[in-house]
């Protein structure tokens, strides 16, 4: 059973590496699927700070609204994989891979969004400055959620007059495919919603429903945030800007890959020289470990940065460290006169608590870094945590599988093959 499992796993590892490097059919290789951060692909990043005295939930609401407006803005710039994140409590970090002009990027990010409510005949009813609030609520008639709107005094009057005209049939659509009885909600010249007017709205409070089934929670939240974001809710000032040229990023990536390959080869060589047959088991586990980490990053849609690569390389060392702990325990059992098969079993059992304790403390540090850090620190922490989980799996299960087979093989389980381990016992 173990032999068959080891053969299947070996084939899986070889296949995994082939797909990783070459791809298969329409499935692209890893280099074409993994996203690269600014420090590797080049571009512009800007950190902007909100000028507000708000705190707590009020500040959180303002920053979420600001993030939504900026995300929409940078998505319209036509750049691949823009990233907009909230740093700390009052800062927005915008990463624009492929952008070259930092000043133009800052101007685009910081400009005021233009929100308008427009009738089907292209008459502007009101703008974003007249929207007091937008939220979500349960839709008892259709199910799901609806978006609630509240206008200020001038907005309420304008909306009342517009809905009265629509209900009285005084509006004729000037837009092909658009009904006469709709009001278009337009943000930055793009229609984000076009609800049908069913009644006159006299009190400045309206509800946008999603029809049968209503909006999902996500759809309603997104629409309400965009409507609230008719203008940036807070002034932003630039606190940090950096431009990374594509040549510099490419050079950094190439050097990182070369460094990783060199480190990988050295680890392979050291494990073989120091631990011989056991080193073979550790190296097979290490090959599987790298495949796991890379494809988990792709599946998580993570962005790989230079600190992220550092985290991967560091976790490779930690994966090897787990094997070294196991081998040290096996060595001790051999020195105490145990047979190789018994030494392997006892060595794994004795090493488990040490491995779990050491990896758990590092995992806690990774979680703290990810929660409190920002930008590249998060990238380092994420790859480190993924690496820790993968290293425990490969060291405990994969290495043990192959070592058990070696220990059961009379030709391989000899003093000669374990000579490096029992040297000090002689």
Protein backbone atom coordinates (compact mmCIF):
# COMPACT_ATOMS: atom_id res chain seq x y z
CA UNK A 1 0.00 0.00 0.00
CA UNK A 2 2.76 2.46 0.97
CA UNK A 3 4.78 1.56 -2.12
CA UNK A 4 1.80 2.20 -4.42
CA UNK A 5 1.07 5.49 -2.65
CA UNK A 6 4.72 6.57 -3.01
CA UNK A 7 4.68 5.76 -6.75
CA UNK A 8 1.45 7.72 -7.26
CA UNK A 9 2.82 10.65 -5.28
CA UNK A 10 6.07 10.63 -7.27
CA UNK A 11 4.13 10.70 -10.55
CA UNK A 12 1.96 13.51 -9.17
CA UNK A 13 5.04 15.55 -8.21
CA UNK A 14 6.62 15.09 -11.65
CA UNK A 15 3.34 15.99 -13.36
CA UNK A 16 2.95 19.01 -11.08
CA UNK A 17 6.40 20.30 -12.01
CA UNK A 18 5.74 19.73 -15.72
CA UNK A 19 2.49 21.71 -15.58
CA UNK A 20 4.16 24.38 -13.44
CA UNK A 21 6.98 24.94 -15.93
CA UNK A 22 5.38 24.07 -19.28
CA UNK A 23 1.62 24.18 -18.81
CA UNK A 24 -0.65 21.64 -20.48
CA UNK A 25 -3.14 22.24 -23.29
CA UNK A 26 -4.96 25.51 -22.67
CA UNK A 27 -3.69 25.54 -19.07
CA UNK A 28 -0.86 28.10 -18.93
CA UNK A 29 2.38 27.61 -16.95
CA UNK A 30 2.81 29.25 -13.57
CA UNK A 31 4.74 32.24 -14.93
CA UNK A 32 1.71 33.29 -16.98
CA UNK A 33 -0.83 32.79 -14.19
CA UNK A 34 0.77 34.28 -11.10
CA UNK A 35 0.26 38.00 -10.56
CA UNK A 36 3.32 40.15 -10.04
CA UNK A 37 3.49 43.16 -7.73
CA UNK A 38 4.77 46.59 -8.69
CA UNK A 39 8.30 45.84 -7.55
CA UNK A 40 8.46 43.05 -10.14
CA UNK A 41 6.25 44.26 -13.02
CA UNK A 42 6.82 48.02 -12.79
CA UNK A 43 4.26 50.79 -12.34
CA UNK A 44 3.17 53.47 -9.88
CA UNK A 45 1.98 53.27 -6.30
CA UNK A 46 0.46 56.11 -4.31
CA UNK A 47 -0.41 56.31 -0.62
CA UNK A 48 -2.99 59.01 0.25
CA UNK A 49 -4.17 60.06 3.69
CA UNK A 50 -7.72 61.13 4.54
CA UNK A 51 -8.05 64.54 6.14
CA UNK A 52 -10.80 63.93 8.68
CA UNK A 53 -11.45 63.94 12.41
CA UNK A 54 -13.86 61.00 12.16
CA UNK A 55 -13.14 57.89 14.24
CA UNK A 56 -14.50 54.39 14.75
CA UNK A 57 -17.37 53.21 12.57
CA UNK A 58 -17.80 56.64 10.97
CA UNK A 59 -14.18 56.62 9.77
CA UNK A 60 -14.53 53.03 8.55
CA UNK A 61 -17.60 53.99 6.49
CA UNK A 62 -15.79 56.98 4.98
CA UNK A 63 -12.74 54.92 4.03
CA UNK A 64 -14.86 52.13 2.50
CA UNK A 65 -16.72 54.69 0.41
CA UNK A 66 -13.46 56.33 -0.66
CA UNK A 67 -12.00 52.95 -1.61
CA UNK A 68 -15.05 52.15 -3.80
CA UNK A 69 -14.83 55.46 -5.67
CA UNK A 70 -11.09 55.12 -6.30
CA UNK A 71 -11.42 51.48 -7.39
CA UNK A 72 -13.94 52.48 -10.03
CA UNK A 73 -11.68 55.29 -11.15
CA UNK A 74 -8.51 53.21 -11.54
CA UNK A 75 -10.41 50.41 -13.27
CA UNK A 76 -11.33 52.92 -15.97
CA UNK A 77 -7.63 53.66 -16.56
CA UNK A 78 -7.34 50.39 -18.50
CA UNK A 79 -4.45 49.03 -16.41
CA UNK A 80 -4.09 45.36 -15.55
CA UNK A 81 -4.68 44.26 -11.94
CA UNK A 82 -4.90 47.62 -10.14
CA UNK A 83 -4.97 47.19 -6.36
CA UNK A 84 -6.72 49.58 -3.95
CA UNK A 85 -6.41 48.81 -0.25
CA UNK A 86 -7.04 50.58 3.04
CA UNK A 87 -3.85 50.95 5.08
CA UNK A 88 -4.25 51.36 8.79
CA UNK A 89 -7.34 53.39 9.60
CA UNK A 90 -7.08 56.52 7.43
CA UNK A 91 -4.86 55.79 4.42
CA UNK A 92 -5.55 54.46 0.93
CA UNK A 93 -2.83 52.64 -1.01
CA UNK A 94 -3.24 52.46 -4.78
CA UNK A 95 -0.99 50.23 -6.89
CA UNK A 96 -1.14 50.70 -10.67
CA UNK A 97 0.93 48.09 -12.56
CA UNK A 98 1.88 49.38 -15.98
CA UNK A 99 1.32 53.08 -15.18
CA UNK A 100 4.23 55.36 -16.02
CA UNK A 101 3.13 58.88 -15.07
CA UNK A 102 2.80 59.29 -11.29
CA UNK A 103 1.37 62.81 -11.51
CA UNK A 104 -1.34 61.77 -13.96
CA UNK A 105 -2.21 58.80 -11.75
CA UNK A 106 -2.55 61.01 -8.67
CA UNK A 107 -4.77 63.48 -10.53
CA UNK A 108 -7.00 60.68 -11.79
CA UNK A 109 -7.30 59.07 -8.37
CA UNK A 110 -8.04 62.26 -6.51
CA UNK A 111 -10.51 63.90 -8.88
CA UNK A 112 -14.13 64.36 -7.77
CA UNK A 113 -16.53 61.73 -9.02
CA UNK A 114 -19.53 63.02 -10.99
CA UNK A 115 -22.80 61.39 -9.94
CA UNK A 116 -26.02 62.38 -11.68
CA UNK A 117 -29.63 61.21 -11.73
CA UNK A 118 -30.89 61.62 -15.31
CA UNK A 119 -34.32 61.04 -16.86
CA UNK A 120 -34.71 59.06 -20.10
CA UNK A 121 -34.92 62.32 -22.09
CA UNK A 122 -31.40 63.16 -20.79
CA UNK A 123 -32.65 65.85 -18.40
CA UNK A 124 -30.46 65.99 -15.30
CA UNK A 125 -32.61 65.67 -12.19
CA UNK A 126 -29.97 66.13 -9.48
CA UNK A 127 -26.31 65.38 -8.73
CA UNK A 128 -24.32 63.60 -6.04
CA UNK A 129 -24.13 66.65 -3.79
CA UNK A 130 -27.90 66.36 -3.24
CA UNK A 131 -27.74 62.74 -2.09
CA UNK A 132 -27.74 62.71 1.69
CA UNK A 133 -27.32 58.98 2.16
CA UNK A 134 -27.68 55.57 0.53
CA UNK A 135 -28.00 52.27 2.34
CA UNK A 136 -29.42 48.77 2.08
CA UNK A 137 -32.51 47.16 3.55
CA UNK A 138 -34.46 43.94 3.25
CA UNK A 139 -36.91 43.84 0.32
CA UNK A 140 -40.13 42.27 1.74
CA UNK A 141 -41.92 42.22 -1.64
CA UNK A 142 -39.28 40.72 -3.90
CA UNK A 143 -36.99 39.05 -1.40
CA UNK A 144 -33.27 39.75 -1.08
CA UNK A 145 -32.12 43.33 -0.55
CA UNK A 146 -33.00 46.81 -1.84
CA UNK A 147 -31.07 50.09 -1.93
CA UNK A 148 -32.49 53.00 0.04
CA UNK A 149 -31.92 56.63 -0.96
CA UNK A 150 -32.29 59.85 1.00
CA UNK A 151 -32.00 63.29 -0.62
CA UNK A 152 -31.47 66.73 0.93
CA UNK A 153 -34.11 69.45 0.66
CA UNK A 154 -33.27 70.62 -2.87
CA UNK A 155 -32.77 67.03 -4.02
CA UNK A 156 -36.12 65.98 -2.58
CA UNK A 157 -37.93 68.73 -4.49
CA UNK A 158 -36.10 67.94 -7.73
CA UNK A 159 -36.80 64.22 -7.41
CA UNK A 160 -40.48 64.87 -6.66
CA UNK A 161 -40.84 67.01 -9.81
CA UNK A 162 -39.02 64.44 -11.97
CA UNK A 163 -41.06 61.45 -10.76
CA UNK A 164 -44.29 63.45 -11.22
CA UNK A 165 -43.39 64.12 -14.87
CA UNK A 166 -42.53 60.48 -15.44
CA UNK A 167 -45.75 59.15 -13.86
CA UNK A 168 -47.78 61.68 -15.92
CA UNK A 169 -46.15 60.38 -19.11
CA UNK A 170 -44.43 63.67 -19.91
CA UNK A 171 -41.00 62.10 -20.56
CA UNK A 172 -40.02 60.50 -23.88
CA UNK A 173 -36.80 58.48 -23.97
CA UNK A 174 -33.97 59.81 -26.12
CA UNK A 175 -31.83 56.71 -25.54
CA UNK A 176 -32.34 53.60 -27.70
CA UNK A 177 -33.38 50.63 -25.61
CA UNK A 178 -34.25 52.80 -22.59
CA UNK A 179 -37.83 53.00 -21.29
CA UNK A 180 -39.58 56.34 -20.80
CA UNK A 181 -40.23 55.71 -17.10
CA UNK A 182 -36.70 55.19 -15.83
CA UNK A 183 -34.20 57.39 -14.03
CA UNK A 184 -30.59 56.62 -14.89
CA UNK A 185 -28.00 56.82 -12.13
CA UNK A 186 -24.75 57.82 -13.86
CA UNK A 187 -21.33 57.81 -12.23
CA UNK A 188 -18.40 59.20 -14.22
CA UNK A 189 -20.46 58.98 -17.45
CA UNK A 190 -21.30 55.32 -16.89
CA UNK A 191 -24.78 54.06 -16.00
CA UNK A 192 -24.57 52.09 -12.76
CA UNK A 193 -28.35 51.60 -12.38
CA UNK A 194 -31.55 52.50 -14.22
CA UNK A 195 -34.53 51.85 -11.91
CA UNK A 196 -38.12 52.17 -13.13
CA UNK A 197 -40.22 54.90 -11.46
CA UNK A 198 -43.40 53.31 -10.09
CA UNK A 199 -44.81 56.20 -8.03
CA UNK A 200 -44.29 59.88 -7.33
CA UNK A 201 -41.63 60.28 -4.61
CA UNK A 202 -42.67 63.32 -2.58
CA UNK A 203 -40.67 62.93 0.64
CA UNK A 204 -37.08 62.66 -0.57
CA UNK A 205 -36.78 58.96 0.31
CA UNK A 206 -36.70 56.36 -2.46
CA UNK A 207 -36.04 52.64 -2.76
CA UNK A 208 -34.34 50.84 -5.64
CA UNK A 209 -35.41 47.20 -5.91
CA UNK A 210 -33.78 44.47 -7.92
CA UNK A 211 -36.97 42.91 -9.30
CA UNK A 212 -38.01 39.34 -8.48
CA UNK A 213 -35.55 37.93 -5.98
CA UNK A 214 -34.15 41.38 -5.19
CA UNK A 215 -30.48 42.34 -5.04
CA UNK A 216 -27.96 40.12 -3.31
CA UNK A 217 -26.31 41.58 -0.24
CA UNK A 218 -23.13 42.19 -2.24
CA UNK A 219 -24.97 43.85 -5.18
CA UNK A 220 -26.98 46.14 -2.91
CA UNK A 221 -23.94 47.12 -0.85
CA UNK A 222 -21.85 47.86 -3.95
CA UNK A 223 -24.58 50.03 -5.53
CA UNK A 224 -25.24 51.96 -2.32
CA UNK A 225 -21.52 52.61 -1.83
CA UNK A 226 -21.18 53.89 -5.40
CA UNK A 227 -24.16 56.20 -4.99
CA UNK A 228 -22.85 57.54 -1.69
CA UNK A 229 -19.54 58.06 -3.47
CA UNK A 230 -20.90 60.65 -5.87
CA UNK A 231 -18.02 62.75 -4.62
CA UNK A 232 -15.02 61.71 -2.59
CA UNK A 233 -16.33 61.92 0.97
CA UNK A 234 -13.07 63.26 2.33
CA UNK A 235 -10.06 65.22 1.14
CA UNK A 236 -7.03 63.09 0.35
CA UNK A 237 -3.44 64.26 0.43
CA UNK A 238 -0.50 62.40 -1.09
CA UNK A 239 1.95 61.10 1.52
CA UNK A 240 4.02 58.69 -0.56
CA UNK A 241 4.59 58.04 -4.26
CA UNK A 242 6.95 55.75 -6.11
CA UNK A 243 7.52 54.82 -9.74
CA UNK A 244 9.12 51.46 -10.58
CA UNK A 245 10.32 51.06 -14.16
CA UNK A 246 9.49 47.77 -15.93
CA UNK A 247 13.21 47.16 -16.58
CA UNK A 248 14.06 47.46 -12.89
CA UNK A 249 11.16 45.19 -11.98
CA UNK A 250 12.16 42.58 -14.56
CA UNK A 251 15.77 42.66 -13.36
CA UNK A 252 14.65 42.21 -9.75
CA UNK A 253 12.47 39.25 -10.74
CA UNK A 254 15.27 37.57 -12.69
CA UNK A 255 17.75 38.01 -9.82
CA UNK A 256 15.20 36.67 -7.33
CA UNK A 257 14.56 33.58 -9.46
CA UNK A 258 18.30 32.95 -9.88
CA UNK A 259 18.85 33.36 -6.13
CA UNK A 260 15.98 30.98 -5.41
CA UNK A 261 17.33 28.35 -7.83
CA UNK A 262 20.84 28.59 -6.36
CA UNK A 263 19.47 28.26 -2.83
CA UNK A 264 17.30 25.34 -3.89
CA UNK A 265 20.26 23.49 -5.44
CA UNK A 266 22.46 24.12 -2.39
CA UNK A 267 19.76 22.78 -0.07
CA UNK A 268 19.43 19.68 -2.25
CA UNK A 269 23.19 19.11 -2.18
CA UNK A 270 23.52 19.63 1.58
CA UNK A 271 20.66 17.26 2.36
CA UNK A 272 22.19 14.54 0.14
CA UNK A 273 25.70 14.99 1.55
CA UNK A 274 24.63 15.18 5.17
CA UNK A 275 21.77 12.69 5.26
CA UNK A 276 22.29 10.48 2.19
CA UNK A 277 19.24 8.28 1.64
CA UNK A 278 17.20 10.28 4.09
CA UNK A 279 18.17 13.39 2.17
CA UNK A 280 16.55 11.90 -0.93
CA UNK A 281 13.25 11.62 0.94
CA UNK A 282 13.58 15.20 2.16
CA UNK A 283 14.33 16.49 -1.35
CA UNK A 284 11.29 14.74 -2.84
CA UNK A 285 9.15 16.36 -0.15
CA UNK A 286 10.76 19.72 -0.94
CA UNK A 287 9.89 19.39 -4.64
CA UNK A 288 6.26 18.76 -3.69
CA UNK A 289 6.36 21.67 -1.23
CA UNK A 290 7.35 24.21 -3.91
CA UNK A 291 4.57 23.06 -6.27
CA UNK A 292 2.00 23.37 -3.46
CA UNK A 293 3.07 26.89 -2.46
CA UNK A 294 3.12 28.27 -6.02
CA UNK A 295 -0.28 26.93 -7.02
CA UNK A 296 -1.91 27.94 -3.73
CA UNK A 297 -0.77 31.51 -4.48
CA UNK A 298 -2.41 31.27 -7.92
CA UNK A 299 -5.65 29.82 -6.51
CA UNK A 300 -5.79 32.57 -3.87
CA UNK A 301 -5.32 35.20 -6.59
CA UNK A 302 -2.38 36.51 -4.56
CA UNK A 303 0.06 39.11 -5.87
CA UNK A 304 3.71 38.03 -5.75
CA UNK A 305 6.18 40.69 -4.61
CA UNK A 306 9.87 40.69 -3.75
CA UNK A 307 9.11 40.33 -0.01
CA UNK A 308 6.73 37.53 -0.99
CA UNK A 309 9.56 35.71 -2.77
CA UNK A 310 11.67 36.23 0.36
CA UNK A 311 8.86 34.63 2.38
CA UNK A 312 8.82 31.61 0.05
CA UNK A 313 12.59 31.15 0.26
CA UNK A 314 12.49 31.53 4.05
CA UNK A 315 9.72 28.95 4.33
CA UNK A 316 11.75 26.55 2.16
CA UNK A 317 14.48 26.80 4.79
CA UNK A 318 11.89 26.14 7.48
CA UNK A 319 10.63 23.09 5.57
CA UNK A 320 14.17 21.73 5.52
CA UNK A 321 14.55 22.61 9.20
CA UNK A 322 11.58 20.36 10.02
CA UNK A 323 13.30 17.48 8.22
CA UNK A 324 16.56 18.18 10.05
CA UNK A 325 14.73 17.95 13.39
CA UNK A 326 13.26 14.60 12.35
CA UNK A 327 16.62 13.28 11.17
CA UNK A 328 18.29 14.38 14.42
CA UNK A 329 15.76 12.39 16.42
CA UNK A 330 16.30 9.36 14.15
CA UNK A 331 20.06 9.72 14.66
CA UNK A 332 19.65 9.71 18.43
CA UNK A 333 17.63 6.51 18.28
CA UNK A 334 20.25 4.83 16.06
CA UNK A 335 22.99 5.91 18.49
CA UNK A 336 20.96 4.33 21.30
CA UNK A 337 21.09 1.01 19.47
CA UNK A 338 17.68 0.94 17.81
CA UNK A 339 17.24 -0.65 14.39
CA UNK A 340 16.76 1.75 11.50
CA UNK A 341 13.10 0.87 11.12
CA UNK A 342 12.38 1.42 14.82
CA UNK A 343 14.55 4.57 14.86
CA UNK A 344 12.53 6.10 12.01
CA UNK A 345 9.21 5.43 13.78
CA UNK A 346 10.41 6.77 17.13
CA UNK A 347 12.25 9.68 15.51
CA UNK A 348 9.07 10.98 13.87
CA UNK A 349 7.04 10.62 17.06
CA UNK A 350 9.64 12.46 19.15
CA UNK A 351 10.10 15.22 16.57
CA UNK A 352 6.41 16.03 16.12
CA UNK A 353 5.94 18.19 19.20
CA UNK A 354 9.08 20.23 18.44
CA UNK A 355 8.04 20.77 14.81
CA UNK A 356 4.49 21.80 15.71
CA UNK A 357 5.67 24.17 18.46
CA UNK A 358 8.27 25.90 16.28
CA UNK A 359 5.98 26.26 13.26
CA UNK A 360 3.04 27.41 15.39
CA UNK A 361 5.03 30.27 16.91
CA UNK A 362 6.15 31.37 13.43
CA UNK A 363 2.56 31.10 12.17
CA UNK A 364 1.39 33.40 14.98
CA UNK A 365 4.04 35.94 13.97
CA UNK A 366 2.86 35.65 10.34
CA UNK A 367 -0.77 36.27 11.31
CA UNK A 368 0.20 39.36 13.33
CA UNK A 369 2.28 40.71 10.43
CA UNK A 370 -0.58 40.14 8.00
CA UNK A 371 -3.17 41.82 10.23
CA UNK A 372 -1.08 44.82 11.27
CA UNK A 373 1.22 45.18 8.27
CA UNK A 374 0.52 46.75 4.91
CA UNK A 375 1.54 46.39 1.28
CA UNK A 376 4.71 44.34 0.90
CA UNK A 377 4.64 43.26 4.56
CA UNK A 378 1.32 41.52 3.93
CA UNK A 379 2.82 39.80 0.88
CA UNK A 380 5.71 38.47 2.96
CA UNK A 381 3.39 37.32 5.73
CA UNK A 382 0.99 35.57 3.32
CA UNK A 383 3.67 33.54 1.55
CA UNK A 384 5.27 32.72 4.90
CA UNK A 385 2.00 31.37 6.33
CA UNK A 386 1.26 29.33 3.20
CA UNK A 387 4.81 27.98 3.33
CA UNK A 388 4.53 26.99 6.99
CA UNK A 389 1.36 24.96 6.39
CA UNK A 390 2.85 23.30 3.30
CA UNK A 391 6.15 22.56 5.08
CA UNK A 392 4.42 20.80 7.98
CA UNK A 393 2.38 18.70 5.55
CA UNK A 394 5.33 17.68 3.39
CA UNK A 395 7.72 17.06 6.30
CA UNK A 396 5.28 15.04 8.39
CA UNK A 397 3.46 13.07 5.69
CA UNK A 398 5.56 13.01 2.50
CA UNK A 399 8.99 12.59 4.12
CA UNK A 400 7.61 9.98 6.50
CA UNK A 401 6.07 7.99 3.63
CA UNK A 402 9.38 7.69 1.78
CA UNK A 403 11.45 7.12 4.93
CA UNK A 404 9.13 4.29 5.98
CA UNK A 405 9.70 2.63 2.61
CA UNK A 406 13.47 3.09 2.91
CA UNK A 407 13.44 1.64 6.44
CA UNK A 408 11.51 -1.43 5.20
CA UNK A 409 13.95 -2.04 2.32
CA UNK A 410 16.84 -4.29 3.42
CA UNK A 411 19.16 -3.00 0.69
CA UNK A 412 18.63 0.65 1.56
CA UNK A 413 18.21 0.45 5.33
CA UNK A 414 21.90 -0.21 6.01
CA UNK A 415 24.50 1.34 8.25
CA UNK A 416 26.39 2.45 5.15
CA UNK A 417 23.43 4.49 3.87
CA UNK A 418 22.97 6.03 7.31
CA UNK A 419 26.71 6.47 7.97
CA UNK A 420 26.50 10.23 8.25
CA UNK A 421 24.04 9.78 11.08
CA UNK A 422 25.90 7.22 13.14
CA UNK A 423 29.41 8.64 12.69
CA UNK A 424 29.54 10.04 16.19
CA UNK A 425 28.35 6.76 17.65
CA UNK A 426 31.45 4.95 16.39
